[in-house]
Amino acid sequence: MEHNIGEWEKRYELGMPDMDRQHKFFFELIWRLLHELEADEQFENRYDLVKELKAFAIFHFISEENMMRRAGYPDLGKHRAIHAALIQDLSDKEDLFFITADQSDEQALISFLIHWFFDHTNEVDSLFVDFLRHTA
């Protein structure tokens, strides 16, 4: 399924205010990076934004995992492994982006982030929300 980054939509929300706020901020960071790349701004701006995005993703994953642990989520280990793989993939793409500064690497980074946002949120994070709804 192809996704585009545009305006935040209510349908992206999972119904958990803390997660939804963080997801929205992550969405906005992807949008900002996309527009930095399109505007052909200085490389330092792009570099700083990618570093901010990665730092926020790490923070968000820790926050999410803490919520899961407090809730007794049985798939926390599996979810944590997915988070670790996403951060590793981001690090690999970030390295290529900074080393080559090639447009195809820019596009690969953006595509990865867009798919990450939509696929992880809709498919993986929603499993945790469903667990909470069934245990409440």
C-alpha atoms as a PDB file:
ATOM      1  CA  MET A   1       0.000   0.000   0.000  1.00  0.00           C
ATOM      2  CA  GLU A   2       1.383   3.407  -0.990  1.00  0.00           C
ATOM      3  CA  HIS A   3       1.248   6.208   1.557  1.00  0.00           C
ATOM      4  CA  ASN A   4       1.860   9.910   1.256  1.00  0.00           C
ATOM      5  CA  ILE A   5       2.720  12.406   3.940  1.00  0.00           C
ATOM      6  CA  GLY A   6       0.334  15.328   3.950  1.00  0.00           C
ATOM      7  CA  GLU A   7      -1.790  16.685   6.724  1.00  0.00           C
ATOM      8  CA  TRP A   8      -2.295  14.753   9.948  1.00  0.00           C
ATOM      9  CA  GLU A   9      -5.640  12.974   9.909  1.00  0.00           C
ATOM     10  CA  LYS A  10      -7.756  11.767  12.802  1.00  0.00           C
ATOM     11  CA  ARG A  11      -7.772   8.275  11.255  1.00  0.00           C
ATOM     12  CA  TYR A  12      -4.076   7.921  12.120  1.00  0.00           C
ATOM     13  CA  GLU A  13      -4.919   7.983  15.821  1.00  0.00           C
ATOM     14  CA  LEU A  14      -5.142   4.786  17.851  1.00  0.00           C
ATOM     15  CA  GLY A  15      -7.182   6.222  20.705  1.00  0.00           C
ATOM     16  CA  MET A  16      -4.340   6.456  23.231  1.00  0.00           C
ATOM     17  CA  PRO A  17      -3.586  10.163  23.775  1.00  0.00           C
ATOM     18  CA  ASP A  18       0.091   9.743  24.753  1.00  0.00           C
ATOM     19  CA  MET A  19       0.859   7.467  21.807  1.00  0.00           C
ATOM     20  CA  ASP A  20      -1.183   9.583  19.429  1.00  0.00           C
ATOM     21  CA  ARG A  21       0.675  12.784  20.403  1.00  0.00           C
ATOM     22  CA  GLN A  22       4.006  11.086  19.880  1.00  0.00           C
ATOM     23  CA  HIS A  23       2.932   9.544  16.586  1.00  0.00           C
ATOM     24  CA  LYS A  24       1.743  12.942  15.386  1.00  0.00           C
ATOM     25  CA  PHE A  25       5.072  14.537  16.272  1.00  0.00           C
ATOM     26  CA  PHE A  26       6.951  11.747  14.471  1.00  0.00           C
ATOM     27  CA  PHE A  27       4.665  12.254  11.442  1.00  0.00           C
ATOM     28  CA  GLU A  28       5.458  15.977  11.493  1.00  0.00           C
ATOM     29  CA  LEU A  29       9.203  15.322  11.664  1.00  0.00           C
ATOM     30  CA  ILE A  30       8.949  13.116   8.563  1.00  0.00           C
ATOM     31  CA  TRP A  31       6.956  15.852   6.822  1.00  0.00           C
ATOM     32  CA  ARG A  32       9.558  18.472   7.760  1.00  0.00           C
ATOM     33  CA  LEU A  33      12.397  16.288   6.489  1.00  0.00           C
ATOM     34  CA  LEU A  34      10.583  15.646   3.221  1.00  0.00           C
ATOM     35  CA  HIS A  35      10.152  19.373   2.688  1.00  0.00           C
ATOM     36  CA  GLU A  36      13.767  20.136   3.657  1.00  0.00           C
ATOM     37  CA  LEU A  37      14.890  17.688   0.995  1.00  0.00           C
ATOM     38  CA  GLU A  38      12.542  19.169  -1.610  1.00  0.00           C
ATOM     39  CA  ALA A  39      13.608  22.720  -0.783  1.00  0.00           C
ATOM     40  CA  ASP A  40      17.257  21.770  -1.273  1.00  0.00           C
ATOM     41  CA  GLU A  41      18.238  23.487   1.960  1.00  0.00           C
ATOM     42  CA  GLN A  42      21.683  23.359   3.461  1.00  0.00           C
ATOM     43  CA  PHE A  43      22.942  19.875   4.260  1.00  0.00           C
ATOM     44  CA  GLU A  44      23.439  20.804   7.926  1.00  0.00           C
ATOM     45  CA  ASN A  45      19.692  21.413   8.284  1.00  0.00           C
ATOM     46  CA  ARG A  46      18.924  17.983   6.869  1.00  0.00           C
ATOM     47  CA  TYR A  47      21.564  16.347   9.023  1.00  0.00           C
ATOM     48  CA  ASP A  48      20.187  17.955  12.187  1.00  0.00           C
ATOM     49  CA  LEU A  49      16.621  17.002  11.317  1.00  0.00           C
ATOM     50  CA  VAL A  50      17.542  13.354  10.693  1.00  0.00           C
ATOM     51  CA  LYS A  51      19.382  13.300  14.038  1.00  0.00           C
ATOM     52  CA  GLU A  52      16.306  14.823  15.736  1.00  0.00           C
ATOM     53  CA  LEU A  53      14.023  12.288  14.084  1.00  0.00           C
ATOM     54  CA  LYS A  54      16.197   9.380  15.187  1.00  0.00           C
ATOM     55  CA  ALA A  55      16.483  10.692  18.759  1.00  0.00           C
ATOM     56  CA  PHE A  56      12.726  11.132  18.925  1.00  0.00           C
ATOM     57  CA  ALA A  57      12.124   7.625  17.558  1.00  0.00           C
ATOM     58  CA  ILE A  58      14.348   6.180  20.284  1.00  0.00           C
ATOM     59  CA  PHE A  59      12.510   8.213  22.936  1.00  0.00           C
ATOM     60  CA  HIS A  60       9.134   7.162  21.527  1.00  0.00           C
ATOM     61  CA  PHE A  61      10.058   3.485  21.505  1.00  0.00           C
ATOM     62  CA  ILE A  62      11.233   3.617  25.114  1.00  0.00           C
ATOM     63  CA  SER A  63       8.023   5.389  26.097  1.00  0.00           C
ATOM     64  CA  GLU A  64       5.896   2.872  24.219  1.00  0.00           C
ATOM     65  CA  GLU A  65       7.742  -0.090  25.725  1.00  0.00           C
ATOM     66  CA  ASN A  66       7.266   1.373  29.209  1.00  0.00           C
ATOM     67  CA  MET A  67       3.513   1.601  28.564  1.00  0.00           C
ATOM     68  CA  MET A  68       3.517  -2.007  27.402  1.00  0.00           C
ATOM     69  CA  ARG A  69       5.466  -3.235  30.412  1.00  0.00           C
ATOM     70  CA  ARG A  70       3.120  -1.442  32.839  1.00  0.00           C
ATOM     71  CA  ALA A  71       0.131  -2.949  31.049  1.00  0.00           C
ATOM     72  CA  GLY A  72       1.563  -6.485  31.146  1.00  0.00           C
ATOM     73  CA  TYR A  73       1.603  -6.734  27.349  1.00  0.00           C
ATOM     74  CA  PRO A  74       2.579 -10.340  26.532  1.00  0.00           C
ATOM     75  CA  ASP A  75       4.232  -9.437  23.192  1.00  0.00           C
ATOM     76  CA  LEU A  76       6.552  -6.793  24.650  1.00  0.00           C
ATOM     77  CA  GLY A  77       9.683  -8.779  23.764  1.00  0.00           C
ATOM     78  CA  LYS A  78       8.579  -9.188  20.156  1.00  0.00           C
ATOM     79  CA  HIS A  79       7.601  -5.519  19.928  1.00  0.00           C
ATOM     80  CA  ARG A  80      10.940  -4.453  21.447  1.00  0.00           C
ATOM     81  CA  ALA A  81      12.781  -6.541  18.818  1.00  0.00           C
ATOM     82  CA  ILE A  82      10.813  -4.821  16.045  1.00  0.00           C
ATOM     83  CA  HIS A  83      11.758  -1.441  17.509  1.00  0.00           C
ATOM     84  CA  ALA A  84      15.438  -2.427  17.626  1.00  0.00           C
ATOM     85  CA  ALA A  85      15.316  -3.553  13.988  1.00  0.00           C
ATOM     86  CA  LEU A  86      13.671  -0.284  12.926  1.00  0.00           C
ATOM     87  CA  ILE A  87      16.337   1.784  14.678  1.00  0.00           C
ATOM     88  CA  GLN A  88      19.075  -0.336  13.079  1.00  0.00           C
ATOM     89  CA  ASP A  89      17.490   0.103   9.632  1.00  0.00           C
ATOM     90  CA  LEU A  90      17.214   3.848  10.251  1.00  0.00           C
ATOM     91  CA  SER A  91      20.883   3.977  11.292  1.00  0.00           C
ATOM     92  CA  ASP A  92      21.915   2.150   8.110  1.00  0.00           C
ATOM     93  CA  LYS A  93      19.876   4.475   5.899  1.00  0.00           C
ATOM     94  CA  GLU A  94      21.094   7.499   7.851  1.00  0.00           C
ATOM     95  CA  ASP A  95      24.716   6.453   7.238  1.00  0.00           C
ATOM     96  CA  LEU A  96      24.136   6.102   3.492  1.00  0.00           C
ATOM     97  CA  PHE A  97      22.282   9.412   3.419  1.00  0.00           C
ATOM     98  CA  PHE A  98      25.174  11.242   5.095  1.00  0.00           C
ATOM     99  CA  ILE A  99      28.003   9.470   3.295  1.00  0.00           C
ATOM    100  CA  THR A 100      26.685   9.731  -0.248  1.00  0.00           C
ATOM    101  CA  ALA A 101      24.227  12.654  -0.114  1.00  0.00           C
ATOM    102  CA  ASP A 102      22.730  10.951  -3.155  1.00  0.00           C
ATOM    103  CA  GLN A 103      19.134  11.682  -4.138  1.00  0.00           C
ATOM    104  CA  SER A 104      18.272   7.979  -4.309  1.00  0.00           C
ATOM    105  CA  ASP A 105      19.466   7.584  -0.704  1.00  0.00           C
ATOM    106  CA  GLU A 106      17.321  10.569   0.292  1.00  0.00           C
ATOM    107  CA  GLN A 107      14.315   8.942  -1.358  1.00  0.00           C
ATOM    108  CA  ALA A 108      15.074   5.590   0.282  1.00  0.00           C
ATOM    109  CA  LEU A 109      15.205   7.274   3.689  1.00  0.00           C
ATOM    110  CA  ILE A 110      11.898   9.095   3.180  1.00  0.00           C
ATOM    111  CA  SER A 111      10.183   6.008   1.785  1.00  0.00           C
ATOM    112  CA  PHE A 112      11.436   3.949   4.735  1.00  0.00           C
ATOM    113  CA  LEU A 113      10.154   6.530   7.238  1.00  0.00           C
ATOM    114  CA  ILE A 114       6.726   6.819   5.602  1.00  0.00           C
ATOM    115  CA  HIS A 115       6.259   3.046   5.481  1.00  0.00           C
ATOM    116  CA  TRP A 116       7.567   2.763   9.031  1.00  0.00           C
ATOM    117  CA  PHE A 117       5.045   5.291  10.278  1.00  0.00           C
ATOM    118  CA  PHE A 118       2.007   3.825   8.559  1.00  0.00           C
ATOM    119  CA  ASP A 119       2.857   0.124   8.745  1.00  0.00           C
ATOM    120  CA  HIS A 120       4.219   0.049  12.284  1.00  0.00           C
ATOM    121  CA  THR A 121       1.462   2.248  13.687  1.00  0.00           C
ATOM    122  CA  ASN A 122      -1.426   0.543  11.900  1.00  0.00           C
ATOM    123  CA  GLU A 123      -0.220  -3.044  12.134  1.00  0.00           C
ATOM    124  CA  VAL A 124       2.056  -3.397  15.167  1.00  0.00           C
ATOM    125  CA  ASP A 125       1.071  -0.623  17.586  1.00  0.00           C
ATOM    126  CA  SER A 126      -2.602  -1.321  16.994  1.00  0.00           C
ATOM    127  CA  LEU A 127      -2.069  -4.838  18.411  1.00  0.00           C
ATOM    128  CA  PHE A 128      -1.094  -3.277  21.738  1.00  0.00           C
ATOM    129  CA  VAL A 129      -4.126  -0.974  21.673  1.00  0.00           C
ATOM    130  CA  ASP A 130      -6.376  -3.976  20.935  1.00  0.00           C
ATOM    131  CA  PHE A 131      -4.798  -5.810  23.898  1.00  0.00           C
ATOM    132  CA  LEU A 132      -5.584  -2.855  26.165  1.00  0.00           C
ATOM    133  CA  ARG A 133      -9.172  -2.679  24.968  1.00  0.00           C
ATOM    134  CA  HIS A 134      -9.702  -6.376  25.666  1.00  0.00           C
ATOM    135  CA  THR A 135      -8.098  -6.303  29.106  1.00  0.00           C
ATOM    136  CA  ALA A 136      -9.776  -3.115  30.336  1.00  0.00           C
END
